[in-house]
């Protein structure tokens, strides 16, 4: 009986510590330096009637600088309000351990791009580029994220980060609460 319990514990610990592979959209190492960018990862998805919104994250390593890129995609058959990023924009991550991590937006204004598709829907793509503050990475590597708050120049918006999302868009299963635990290692 004791070997069975030991074997079960060993297999459970292996499953819990399974490594998520790093997947890159860009991975270059040359005489100019190193540049890596992870593939886009779904953090939030909201669908209600003819309105949809998605948030995707990518992590970037650019010769020693780590960056979080946030893409907000909105689709609607009515007017979409612009959420703008500027030098005062911030991204806050509330962790399960109670800590709040702050990331600062670069000094670049961006209110997104609005495009109308062939079905009459407005689509807005807004991209924010955030820098990690010194001393915050260890907490992000060790604790799941439960809430993401984005401070736009036009207001605040909160996004509950789920343990698991099965995307209605592509059917893929994502685990956004463990995004940083699983992928920070890919850009260090």
N, C-alpha and C. Protein backbone atom coordinates (compact mmCIF):
# COMPACT_ATOMS: atom_id res chain seq x y z
N UNK A 1 0.82 -1.20 0.00
CA UNK A 1 0.00 0.00 0.00
C UNK A 1 0.86 1.26 0.00
N UNK A 2 1.93 1.23 0.80
CA UNK A 2 2.81 2.39 0.89
C UNK A 2 3.47 2.72 -0.46
N UNK A 3 3.96 1.71 -1.23
CA UNK A 3 4.53 2.04 -2.55
C UNK A 3 3.49 2.66 -3.49
N UNK A 4 2.24 2.25 -3.38
CA UNK A 4 1.19 2.81 -4.23
C UNK A 4 0.97 4.28 -3.91
N UNK A 5 0.96 4.63 -2.64
CA UNK A 5 0.80 6.03 -2.22
C UNK A 5 1.99 6.85 -2.70
N UNK A 6 3.20 6.32 -2.56
CA UNK A 6 4.40 7.02 -3.01
C UNK A 6 4.37 7.24 -4.52
N UNK A 7 3.98 6.20 -5.26
CA UNK A 7 3.90 6.31 -6.72
C UNK A 7 2.85 7.35 -7.14
N UNK A 8 1.70 7.34 -6.47
CA UNK A 8 0.64 8.31 -6.77
C UNK A 8 1.13 9.73 -6.50
N UNK A 9 1.79 9.94 -5.38
CA UNK A 9 2.32 11.26 -5.04
C UNK A 9 3.35 11.70 -6.07
N UNK A 10 4.23 10.80 -6.49
CA UNK A 10 5.25 11.12 -7.49
C UNK A 10 4.62 11.51 -8.82
N UNK A 11 3.63 10.76 -9.28
CA UNK A 11 2.98 11.07 -10.55
C UNK A 11 2.20 12.38 -10.49
N UNK A 12 1.56 12.65 -9.37
CA UNK A 12 0.86 13.93 -9.21
C UNK A 12 1.83 15.09 -9.22
N UNK A 13 2.97 14.96 -8.56
CA UNK A 13 3.94 16.05 -8.55
C UNK A 13 4.53 16.28 -9.94
N UNK A 14 4.72 15.21 -10.71
CA UNK A 14 5.18 15.38 -12.09
C UNK A 14 4.16 16.12 -12.93
N UNK A 15 2.90 15.76 -12.77
CA UNK A 15 1.83 16.41 -13.55
C UNK A 15 1.70 17.88 -13.17
N UNK A 16 1.82 18.20 -11.90
CA UNK A 16 1.67 19.58 -11.45
C UNK A 16 2.84 20.43 -11.91
N UNK A 17 4.01 19.84 -12.06
CA UNK A 17 5.19 20.61 -12.44
C UNK A 17 5.53 20.45 -13.92
N UNK A 18 4.59 19.97 -14.70
CA UNK A 18 4.84 19.79 -16.13
C UNK A 18 5.17 21.13 -16.77
N UNK A 19 6.19 21.11 -17.58
CA UNK A 19 6.63 22.33 -18.22
C UNK A 19 5.78 22.64 -19.45
N UNK A 20 5.38 23.89 -19.57
CA UNK A 20 4.69 24.35 -20.76
C UNK A 20 5.76 24.77 -21.75
N UNK A 21 5.73 24.26 -22.99
CA UNK A 21 6.78 24.62 -23.94
C UNK A 21 6.70 26.08 -24.36
N UNK A 22 7.87 26.65 -24.65
CA UNK A 22 7.93 28.03 -25.14
C UNK A 22 7.67 28.02 -26.64
N UNK A 23 6.73 28.85 -27.06
CA UNK A 23 6.44 29.01 -28.49
C UNK A 23 6.64 30.48 -28.83
N UNK A 24 7.42 30.72 -29.87
CA UNK A 24 7.79 32.08 -30.23
C UNK A 24 7.21 32.47 -31.59
N UNK A 25 6.82 33.73 -31.70
CA UNK A 25 6.50 34.28 -33.01
C UNK A 25 7.78 34.82 -33.65
N UNK A 26 8.74 35.24 -32.80
CA UNK A 26 10.06 35.70 -33.24
C UNK A 26 11.11 35.24 -32.24
N UNK A 27 12.22 34.71 -32.75
CA UNK A 27 13.32 34.29 -31.89
C UNK A 27 14.62 34.46 -32.68
N UNK A 28 15.30 35.59 -32.46
CA UNK A 28 16.48 35.94 -33.24
C UNK A 28 17.66 36.20 -32.31
N UNK A 29 18.79 35.60 -32.65
CA UNK A 29 20.04 35.88 -31.95
C UNK A 29 21.08 36.13 -33.02
N UNK A 30 21.60 37.35 -33.07
CA UNK A 30 22.59 37.70 -34.08
C UNK A 30 23.63 38.64 -33.48
N UNK A 31 24.43 39.26 -34.31
CA UNK A 31 25.50 40.14 -33.84
C UNK A 31 24.96 41.40 -33.15
N UNK A 32 23.69 41.74 -33.41
CA UNK A 32 23.09 42.92 -32.78
C UNK A 32 22.51 42.61 -31.40
N UNK A 33 22.27 41.34 -31.11
CA UNK A 33 21.73 40.97 -29.81
C UNK A 33 20.69 39.87 -29.91
N UNK A 34 19.85 39.82 -28.90
CA UNK A 34 18.82 38.78 -28.81
C UNK A 34 17.45 39.44 -28.78
N UNK A 35 16.53 38.90 -29.59
CA UNK A 35 15.14 39.36 -29.60
C UNK A 35 14.24 38.14 -29.63
N UNK A 36 13.35 38.03 -28.62
CA UNK A 36 12.39 36.94 -28.54
C UNK A 36 11.02 37.52 -28.27
N UNK A 37 10.01 36.96 -28.92
CA UNK A 37 8.63 37.33 -28.63
C UNK A 37 7.78 36.07 -28.65
N UNK A 38 7.04 35.85 -27.55
CA UNK A 38 6.18 34.68 -27.47
C UNK A 38 4.96 34.85 -28.37
N UNK A 39 4.33 33.74 -28.69
CA UNK A 39 3.09 33.80 -29.46
C UNK A 39 2.01 34.44 -28.60
N UNK A 40 1.02 35.04 -29.25
CA UNK A 40 -0.09 35.69 -28.55
C UNK A 40 -0.87 34.65 -27.74
N UNK A 41 -1.28 35.06 -26.53
CA UNK A 41 -1.97 34.15 -25.60
C UNK A 41 -3.23 34.84 -25.09
N UNK A 42 -4.35 34.17 -25.19
CA UNK A 42 -5.64 34.73 -24.79
C UNK A 42 -5.73 34.86 -23.26
N UNK A 43 -5.98 36.08 -22.78
CA UNK A 43 -6.12 36.34 -21.35
C UNK A 43 -7.58 36.56 -20.95
N UNK A 44 -8.39 37.08 -21.87
CA UNK A 44 -9.78 37.38 -21.56
C UNK A 44 -10.58 37.32 -22.85
N UNK A 45 -11.80 36.80 -22.74
CA UNK A 45 -12.70 36.74 -23.88
C UNK A 45 -14.12 37.00 -23.38
N UNK A 46 -14.77 37.98 -24.01
CA UNK A 46 -16.16 38.31 -23.66
C UNK A 46 -16.98 38.33 -24.95
N UNK A 47 -18.06 37.58 -24.96
CA UNK A 47 -18.97 37.55 -26.10
C UNK A 47 -20.39 37.74 -25.58
N UNK A 48 -21.07 38.75 -26.11
CA UNK A 48 -22.45 39.00 -25.73
C UNK A 48 -23.17 39.55 -26.94
N UNK A 49 -24.09 38.77 -27.47
CA UNK A 49 -24.81 39.20 -28.67
C UNK A 49 -23.84 39.41 -29.82
N UNK A 50 -23.91 40.58 -30.43
CA UNK A 50 -23.01 40.91 -31.54
C UNK A 50 -21.76 41.65 -31.10
N UNK A 51 -21.48 41.66 -29.79
CA UNK A 51 -20.30 42.34 -29.26
C UNK A 51 -19.31 41.31 -28.74
N UNK A 52 -18.06 41.48 -29.11
CA UNK A 52 -16.99 40.59 -28.65
C UNK A 52 -15.78 41.42 -28.27
N UNK A 53 -15.05 40.96 -27.25
CA UNK A 53 -13.78 41.59 -26.92
C UNK A 53 -12.80 40.52 -26.46
N UNK A 54 -11.56 40.72 -26.83
CA UNK A 54 -10.50 39.76 -26.52
C UNK A 54 -9.27 40.53 -26.05
N UNK A 55 -8.53 39.92 -25.12
CA UNK A 55 -7.24 40.46 -24.73
C UNK A 55 -6.21 39.36 -24.92
N UNK A 56 -5.17 39.69 -25.66
CA UNK A 56 -4.05 38.78 -25.89
C UNK A 56 -2.78 39.40 -25.33
N UNK A 57 -1.94 38.58 -24.72
CA UNK A 57 -0.64 39.02 -24.22
C UNK A 57 0.47 38.36 -25.02
N UNK A 58 1.57 39.08 -25.18
CA UNK A 58 2.83 38.51 -25.64
C UNK A 58 3.92 39.05 -24.74
N UNK A 59 4.92 38.24 -24.50
CA UNK A 59 6.10 38.66 -23.74
C UNK A 59 7.25 38.84 -24.72
N UNK A 60 8.02 39.91 -24.53
CA UNK A 60 9.13 40.21 -25.41
C UNK A 60 10.41 40.39 -24.60
N UNK A 61 11.49 39.83 -25.10
CA UNK A 61 12.82 40.07 -24.57
C UNK A 61 13.62 40.74 -25.67
N UNK A 62 14.09 41.96 -25.39
CA UNK A 62 14.83 42.72 -26.39
C UNK A 62 16.16 43.15 -25.79
N UNK A 63 17.17 42.30 -25.95
CA UNK A 63 18.53 42.57 -25.47
C UNK A 63 18.57 43.04 -24.01
N UNK A 64 17.93 42.29 -23.14
CA UNK A 64 17.97 42.57 -21.71
C UNK A 64 16.73 43.25 -21.16
N UNK A 65 15.87 43.77 -22.02
CA UNK A 65 14.65 44.45 -21.59
C UNK A 65 13.46 43.53 -21.79
N UNK A 66 12.69 43.30 -20.71
CA UNK A 66 11.49 42.46 -20.81
C UNK A 66 10.27 43.36 -20.89
N UNK A 67 9.37 43.03 -21.82
CA UNK A 67 8.20 43.85 -22.11
C UNK A 67 6.97 42.96 -22.20
N UNK A 68 5.83 43.49 -21.74
CA UNK A 68 4.54 42.84 -21.92
C UNK A 68 3.74 43.65 -22.94
N UNK A 69 3.36 43.01 -24.02
CA UNK A 69 2.50 43.64 -25.03
C UNK A 69 1.08 43.14 -24.82
N UNK A 70 0.15 44.07 -24.78
CA UNK A 70 -1.26 43.74 -24.56
C UNK A 70 -2.04 44.20 -25.79
N UNK A 71 -2.77 43.27 -26.41
CA UNK A 71 -3.60 43.58 -27.57
C UNK A 71 -5.06 43.47 -27.16
N UNK A 72 -5.80 44.56 -27.32
CA UNK A 72 -7.24 44.56 -27.06
C UNK A 72 -7.94 44.56 -28.41
N UNK A 73 -8.78 43.58 -28.63
CA UNK A 73 -9.53 43.49 -29.87
C UNK A 73 -11.01 43.55 -29.53
N UNK A 74 -11.70 44.51 -30.13
CA UNK A 74 -13.14 44.67 -29.90
C UNK A 74 -13.85 44.57 -31.24
N UNK A 75 -15.01 43.92 -31.22
CA UNK A 75 -15.82 43.77 -32.43
C UNK A 75 -17.27 44.02 -32.06
N UNK A 76 -17.94 44.89 -32.84
CA UNK A 76 -19.31 45.24 -32.52
C UNK A 76 -20.02 45.76 -33.76
N UNK A 77 -21.36 45.66 -33.74
CA UNK A 77 -22.12 46.24 -34.84
C UNK A 77 -22.58 47.65 -34.50
N UNK A 78 -22.17 48.16 -33.32
CA UNK A 78 -22.42 49.55 -32.94
C UNK A 78 -21.07 50.22 -32.68
N UNK A 79 -21.07 51.53 -32.50
CA UNK A 79 -19.84 52.29 -32.30
C UNK A 79 -19.04 51.74 -31.11
N UNK A 80 -17.73 51.63 -31.27
CA UNK A 80 -16.83 51.16 -30.22
C UNK A 80 -16.07 52.35 -29.65
N UNK A 81 -16.23 52.59 -28.36
CA UNK A 81 -15.52 53.67 -27.68
C UNK A 81 -14.02 53.38 -27.69
N UNK A 82 -13.23 54.40 -27.93
CA UNK A 82 -11.77 54.26 -27.94
C UNK A 82 -11.23 54.27 -26.51
N UNK A 83 -10.41 53.28 -26.18
CA UNK A 83 -9.64 53.27 -24.95
C UNK A 83 -8.21 53.55 -25.35
N UNK A 84 -7.67 54.67 -24.87
CA UNK A 84 -6.36 55.13 -25.31
C UNK A 84 -5.29 54.86 -24.26
N UNK A 85 -4.10 54.51 -24.74
CA UNK A 85 -2.92 54.41 -23.90
C UNK A 85 -2.09 55.68 -24.07
N UNK A 86 -1.48 56.13 -22.97
CA UNK A 86 -0.52 57.22 -23.03
C UNK A 86 0.56 56.98 -21.98
N UNK A 87 1.43 57.97 -21.77
CA UNK A 87 2.56 57.80 -20.85
C UNK A 87 2.11 57.57 -19.40
N UNK A 88 0.88 57.92 -19.05
CA UNK A 88 0.38 57.72 -17.70
C UNK A 88 -0.39 56.42 -17.52
N UNK A 89 -0.56 55.66 -18.59
CA UNK A 89 -1.29 54.39 -18.50
C UNK A 89 -0.49 53.37 -17.70
N UNK A 90 -1.23 52.50 -17.01
CA UNK A 90 -0.61 51.45 -16.20
C UNK A 90 -1.42 50.19 -16.32
N UNK A 91 -0.77 49.08 -16.04
CA UNK A 91 -1.44 47.79 -15.97
C UNK A 91 -1.16 47.22 -14.58
N UNK A 92 -2.22 46.86 -13.88
CA UNK A 92 -2.10 46.29 -12.54
C UNK A 92 -2.51 44.83 -12.59
N UNK A 93 -1.72 43.98 -11.94
CA UNK A 93 -2.03 42.57 -11.85
C UNK A 93 -2.20 42.21 -10.38
N UNK A 94 -3.38 41.73 -10.01
CA UNK A 94 -3.60 41.27 -8.64
C UNK A 94 -3.34 39.78 -8.62
N UNK A 95 -2.42 39.36 -7.75
CA UNK A 95 -2.03 37.97 -7.65
C UNK A 95 -2.83 37.25 -6.56
N UNK A 96 -2.89 35.93 -6.65
CA UNK A 96 -3.60 35.13 -5.64
C UNK A 96 -2.96 35.27 -4.26
N UNK A 97 -1.68 35.61 -4.20
CA UNK A 97 -1.02 35.76 -2.89
C UNK A 97 -1.29 37.13 -2.26
N UNK A 98 -2.14 37.96 -2.93
CA UNK A 98 -2.54 39.25 -2.37
C UNK A 98 -1.71 40.43 -2.87
N UNK A 99 -0.61 40.19 -3.51
CA UNK A 99 0.23 41.28 -3.99
C UNK A 99 -0.35 41.87 -5.27
N UNK A 100 -0.04 43.14 -5.50
CA UNK A 100 -0.44 43.83 -6.72
C UNK A 100 0.83 44.28 -7.43
N UNK A 101 0.96 43.87 -8.67
CA UNK A 101 2.12 44.19 -9.50
C UNK A 101 1.71 45.30 -10.47
N UNK A 102 2.54 46.33 -10.60
CA UNK A 102 2.27 47.45 -11.51
C UNK A 102 3.26 47.42 -12.66
N UNK A 103 2.75 47.57 -13.87
CA UNK A 103 3.57 47.71 -15.06
C UNK A 103 3.29 49.08 -15.67
N UNK A 104 4.34 49.74 -16.17
CA UNK A 104 4.22 51.09 -16.72
C UNK A 104 4.20 51.06 -18.24
N UNK A 105 3.33 51.88 -18.82
CA UNK A 105 3.24 51.98 -20.27
C UNK A 105 4.37 52.84 -20.79
N UNK A 106 4.83 52.54 -22.00
CA UNK A 106 5.88 53.36 -22.61
C UNK A 106 5.28 54.72 -22.98
N UNK A 107 6.14 55.66 -23.25
CA UNK A 107 5.71 57.02 -23.56
C UNK A 107 5.27 57.14 -25.03
N UNK A 108 4.13 56.51 -25.32
CA UNK A 108 3.61 56.53 -26.69
C UNK A 108 2.08 56.46 -26.64
N UNK A 109 1.43 57.41 -27.26
CA UNK A 109 -0.04 57.41 -27.25
C UNK A 109 -0.56 56.49 -28.34
N UNK A 110 -1.61 55.74 -28.00
CA UNK A 110 -2.22 54.81 -28.95
C UNK A 110 -3.70 54.66 -28.60
N UNK A 111 -4.55 55.04 -29.53
CA UNK A 111 -6.00 54.89 -29.35
C UNK A 111 -6.57 53.78 -30.23
N UNK A 112 -5.70 53.03 -30.85
CA UNK A 112 -6.12 51.90 -31.65
C UNK A 112 -6.48 52.26 -33.07
N UNK A 113 -6.79 51.22 -33.82
CA UNK A 113 -7.17 51.35 -35.21
C UNK A 113 -8.57 50.78 -35.37
N UNK A 114 -9.45 51.54 -36.02
CA UNK A 114 -10.83 51.10 -36.23
C UNK A 114 -10.99 50.71 -37.69
N UNK A 115 -11.46 49.48 -37.90
CA UNK A 115 -11.68 48.96 -39.24
C UNK A 115 -13.09 48.40 -39.35
N UNK A 116 -13.74 48.60 -40.47
CA UNK A 116 -15.07 48.03 -40.72
C UNK A 116 -14.88 46.82 -41.63
N UNK A 117 -15.47 45.68 -41.21
CA UNK A 117 -15.34 44.48 -42.05
C UNK A 117 -16.48 44.40 -43.06
N UNK A 118 -16.43 43.38 -43.90
CA UNK A 118 -17.41 43.25 -44.98
C UNK A 118 -18.81 42.88 -44.50
N UNK A 119 -18.95 42.55 -43.20
CA UNK A 119 -20.27 42.23 -42.64
C UNK A 119 -20.87 43.42 -41.89
N UNK A 120 -20.20 44.58 -41.95
CA UNK A 120 -20.70 45.79 -41.31
C UNK A 120 -20.32 45.94 -39.85
N UNK A 121 -19.40 45.11 -39.35
CA UNK A 121 -18.97 45.20 -37.97
C UNK A 121 -17.76 46.13 -37.86
N UNK A 122 -17.73 46.92 -36.79
CA UNK A 122 -16.55 47.72 -36.47
C UNK A 122 -15.60 46.84 -35.65
N UNK A 123 -14.34 46.91 -35.96
CA UNK A 123 -13.30 46.17 -35.26
C UNK A 123 -12.24 47.17 -34.81
N UNK A 124 -11.93 47.19 -33.52
CA UNK A 124 -10.89 48.09 -33.01
C UNK A 124 -9.77 47.26 -32.41
N UNK A 125 -8.55 47.53 -32.86
CA UNK A 125 -7.35 46.89 -32.32
C UNK A 125 -6.52 47.96 -31.64
N UNK A 126 -6.26 47.76 -30.35
CA UNK A 126 -5.45 48.69 -29.56
C UNK A 126 -4.32 47.90 -28.92
N UNK A 127 -3.11 48.39 -29.05
CA UNK A 127 -1.94 47.70 -28.52
C UNK A 127 -1.26 48.57 -27.47
N UNK A 128 -0.97 47.96 -26.32
CA UNK A 128 -0.24 48.64 -25.26
C UNK A 128 1.06 47.92 -24.97
N UNK A 129 2.11 48.68 -24.72
CA UNK A 129 3.43 48.11 -24.42
C UNK A 129 3.81 48.54 -23.01
N UNK A 130 4.00 47.53 -22.13
CA UNK A 130 4.24 47.79 -20.71
C UNK A 130 5.58 47.22 -20.27
N UNK A 131 6.23 47.96 -19.37
CA UNK A 131 7.52 47.53 -18.83
C UNK A 131 7.34 47.04 -17.40
N UNK A 132 8.07 45.98 -17.08
CA UNK A 132 8.07 45.42 -15.74
C UNK A 132 8.94 46.28 -14.83
N UNK A 133 8.49 46.46 -13.60
CA UNK A 133 9.30 47.17 -12.62
C UNK A 133 10.26 46.19 -11.96
N UNK A 134 11.40 46.69 -11.54
CA UNK A 134 12.42 45.86 -10.89
C UNK A 134 11.82 45.18 -9.65
N UNK A 135 12.11 43.89 -9.49
CA UNK A 135 11.68 43.16 -8.31
C UNK A 135 10.30 42.54 -8.39
N UNK A 136 9.62 42.62 -9.54
CA UNK A 136 8.26 42.09 -9.64
C UNK A 136 8.18 40.71 -10.28
N UNK A 137 9.24 40.30 -10.96
CA UNK A 137 9.18 39.05 -11.72
C UNK A 137 9.04 37.81 -10.84
N UNK A 138 9.72 37.78 -9.70
CA UNK A 138 9.64 36.60 -8.83
C UNK A 138 8.22 36.32 -8.37
N UNK A 139 7.50 37.39 -7.99
CA UNK A 139 6.10 37.20 -7.58
C UNK A 139 5.26 36.68 -8.73
N UNK A 140 5.48 37.19 -9.94
CA UNK A 140 4.72 36.74 -11.11
C UNK A 140 5.03 35.29 -11.48
N UNK A 141 6.26 34.85 -11.20
CA UNK A 141 6.64 33.47 -11.50
C UNK A 141 6.04 32.47 -10.53
N UNK A 142 5.60 32.94 -9.36
CA UNK A 142 5.19 32.03 -8.30
C UNK A 142 3.73 32.10 -7.89
N UNK A 143 2.98 33.05 -8.40
CA UNK A 143 1.58 33.18 -7.97
C UNK A 143 0.67 33.44 -9.18
N UNK A 144 -0.46 32.74 -9.25
CA UNK A 144 -1.42 32.99 -10.34
C UNK A 144 -1.99 34.40 -10.26
N UNK A 145 -2.45 34.89 -11.41
CA UNK A 145 -3.07 36.22 -11.51
C UNK A 145 -4.59 36.04 -11.43
N UNK A 146 -5.25 36.88 -10.63
CA UNK A 146 -6.70 36.77 -10.50
C UNK A 146 -7.45 37.95 -11.14
N UNK A 147 -6.78 39.09 -11.27
CA UNK A 147 -7.44 40.27 -11.83
C UNK A 147 -6.41 41.12 -12.57
N UNK A 148 -6.84 41.68 -13.69
CA UNK A 148 -6.00 42.62 -14.44
C UNK A 148 -6.79 43.92 -14.57
N UNK A 149 -6.18 45.01 -14.15
CA UNK A 149 -6.79 46.34 -14.27
C UNK A 149 -5.92 47.17 -15.20
N UNK A 150 -6.56 47.76 -16.20
CA UNK A 150 -5.83 48.62 -17.12
C UNK A 150 -6.30 50.05 -16.92
N UNK A 151 -5.33 50.93 -16.68
CA UNK A 151 -5.61 52.36 -16.56
C UNK A 151 -5.30 52.98 -17.92
N UNK A 152 -6.36 53.29 -18.65
CA UNK A 152 -6.23 53.98 -19.92
C UNK A 152 -6.20 55.48 -19.65
N UNK A 153 -5.87 56.28 -20.64
CA UNK A 153 -5.97 57.72 -20.48
C UNK A 153 -7.44 58.13 -20.41
N UNK A 154 -8.32 57.24 -20.85
CA UNK A 154 -9.76 57.51 -20.90
C UNK A 154 -10.54 56.85 -19.78
N UNK A 155 -9.89 56.16 -18.84
CA UNK A 155 -10.59 55.53 -17.73
C UNK A 155 -9.95 54.20 -17.33
N UNK A 156 -10.60 53.51 -16.38
CA UNK A 156 -10.13 52.22 -15.87
C UNK A 156 -11.03 51.10 -16.38
N UNK A 157 -10.44 49.92 -16.57
CA UNK A 157 -11.25 48.75 -16.89
C UNK A 157 -10.64 47.53 -16.21
N UNK A 158 -11.49 46.73 -15.57
CA UNK A 158 -11.06 45.52 -14.87
C UNK A 158 -11.41 44.29 -15.69
N UNK A 159 -10.53 43.29 -15.62
CA UNK A 159 -10.74 42.02 -16.30
C UNK A 159 -10.45 40.90 -15.31
N UNK A 160 -11.45 40.07 -15.03
CA UNK A 160 -11.25 38.91 -14.17
C UNK A 160 -10.48 37.88 -14.97
N UNK A 161 -9.39 37.38 -14.40
CA UNK A 161 -8.56 36.39 -15.08
C UNK A 161 -8.98 35.01 -14.60
N UNK A 162 -9.42 34.20 -15.53
CA UNK A 162 -9.96 32.87 -15.20
C UNK A 162 -8.85 31.83 -15.16
N UNK A 163 -9.17 30.74 -14.46
CA UNK A 163 -8.26 29.60 -14.40
C UNK A 163 -8.15 28.96 -15.78
N UNK A 164 -9.29 28.86 -16.47
CA UNK A 164 -9.31 28.22 -17.78
C UNK A 164 -10.35 28.88 -18.67
N UNK A 165 -10.00 29.06 -19.94
CA UNK A 165 -10.94 29.59 -20.94
C UNK A 165 -10.91 28.64 -22.13
N UNK A 166 -12.09 28.19 -22.55
CA UNK A 166 -12.19 27.51 -23.83
C UNK A 166 -12.73 28.55 -24.79
N UNK A 167 -11.86 29.01 -25.67
CA UNK A 167 -12.19 30.13 -26.54
C UNK A 167 -13.33 29.78 -27.50
N UNK A 168 -14.32 30.67 -27.56
CA UNK A 168 -15.40 30.51 -28.53
C UNK A 168 -14.90 30.83 -29.94
N UNK A 169 -13.81 31.58 -30.02
CA UNK A 169 -13.26 32.00 -31.30
C UNK A 169 -12.60 30.83 -32.04
N UNK A 170 -11.74 30.08 -31.33
CA UNK A 170 -11.00 29.01 -32.00
C UNK A 170 -11.07 27.65 -31.31
N UNK A 171 -11.80 27.54 -30.19
CA UNK A 171 -11.95 26.27 -29.50
C UNK A 171 -10.76 25.84 -28.68
N UNK A 172 -9.70 26.65 -28.64
CA UNK A 172 -8.49 26.32 -27.88
C UNK A 172 -8.72 26.58 -26.39
N UNK A 173 -8.12 25.74 -25.54
CA UNK A 173 -8.20 25.92 -24.10
C UNK A 173 -6.96 26.68 -23.63
N UNK A 174 -7.19 27.77 -22.90
CA UNK A 174 -6.12 28.61 -22.36
C UNK A 174 -6.20 28.60 -20.83
N UNK A 175 -5.07 28.80 -20.18
CA UNK A 175 -4.98 28.90 -18.72
C UNK A 175 -4.38 30.25 -18.35
N UNK A 176 -5.16 31.33 -18.46
CA UNK A 176 -4.60 32.68 -18.28
C UNK A 176 -4.09 33.00 -16.88
N UNK A 177 -4.66 32.41 -15.83
CA UNK A 177 -4.20 32.75 -14.49
C UNK A 177 -2.74 32.34 -14.28
N UNK A 178 -2.26 31.36 -15.02
CA UNK A 178 -0.87 30.90 -14.91
C UNK A 178 0.01 31.38 -16.05
N UNK A 179 -0.43 32.38 -16.77
CA UNK A 179 0.32 32.87 -17.93
C UNK A 179 1.76 33.23 -17.58
N UNK A 180 1.95 34.03 -16.55
CA UNK A 180 3.30 34.47 -16.20
C UNK A 180 4.12 33.32 -15.60
N UNK A 181 3.49 32.46 -14.82
CA UNK A 181 4.17 31.30 -14.26
C UNK A 181 4.72 30.43 -15.39
N UNK A 182 3.93 30.24 -16.44
CA UNK A 182 4.30 29.34 -17.53
C UNK A 182 5.23 29.97 -18.57
N UNK A 183 5.15 31.29 -18.78
CA UNK A 183 5.84 31.86 -19.94
C UNK A 183 6.93 32.88 -19.65
N UNK A 184 7.07 33.37 -18.42
CA UNK A 184 8.17 34.31 -18.15
C UNK A 184 9.52 33.67 -18.43
N UNK A 185 9.63 32.38 -18.17
CA UNK A 185 10.89 31.66 -18.41
C UNK A 185 11.32 31.72 -19.87
N UNK A 186 10.37 31.96 -20.76
CA UNK A 186 10.64 31.97 -22.20
C UNK A 186 11.38 33.23 -22.66
N UNK A 187 11.36 34.27 -21.84
CA UNK A 187 11.98 35.54 -22.24
C UNK A 187 13.05 36.02 -21.28
N UNK A 188 13.56 35.14 -20.48
CA UNK A 188 14.63 35.53 -19.54
C UNK A 188 15.99 35.25 -20.14
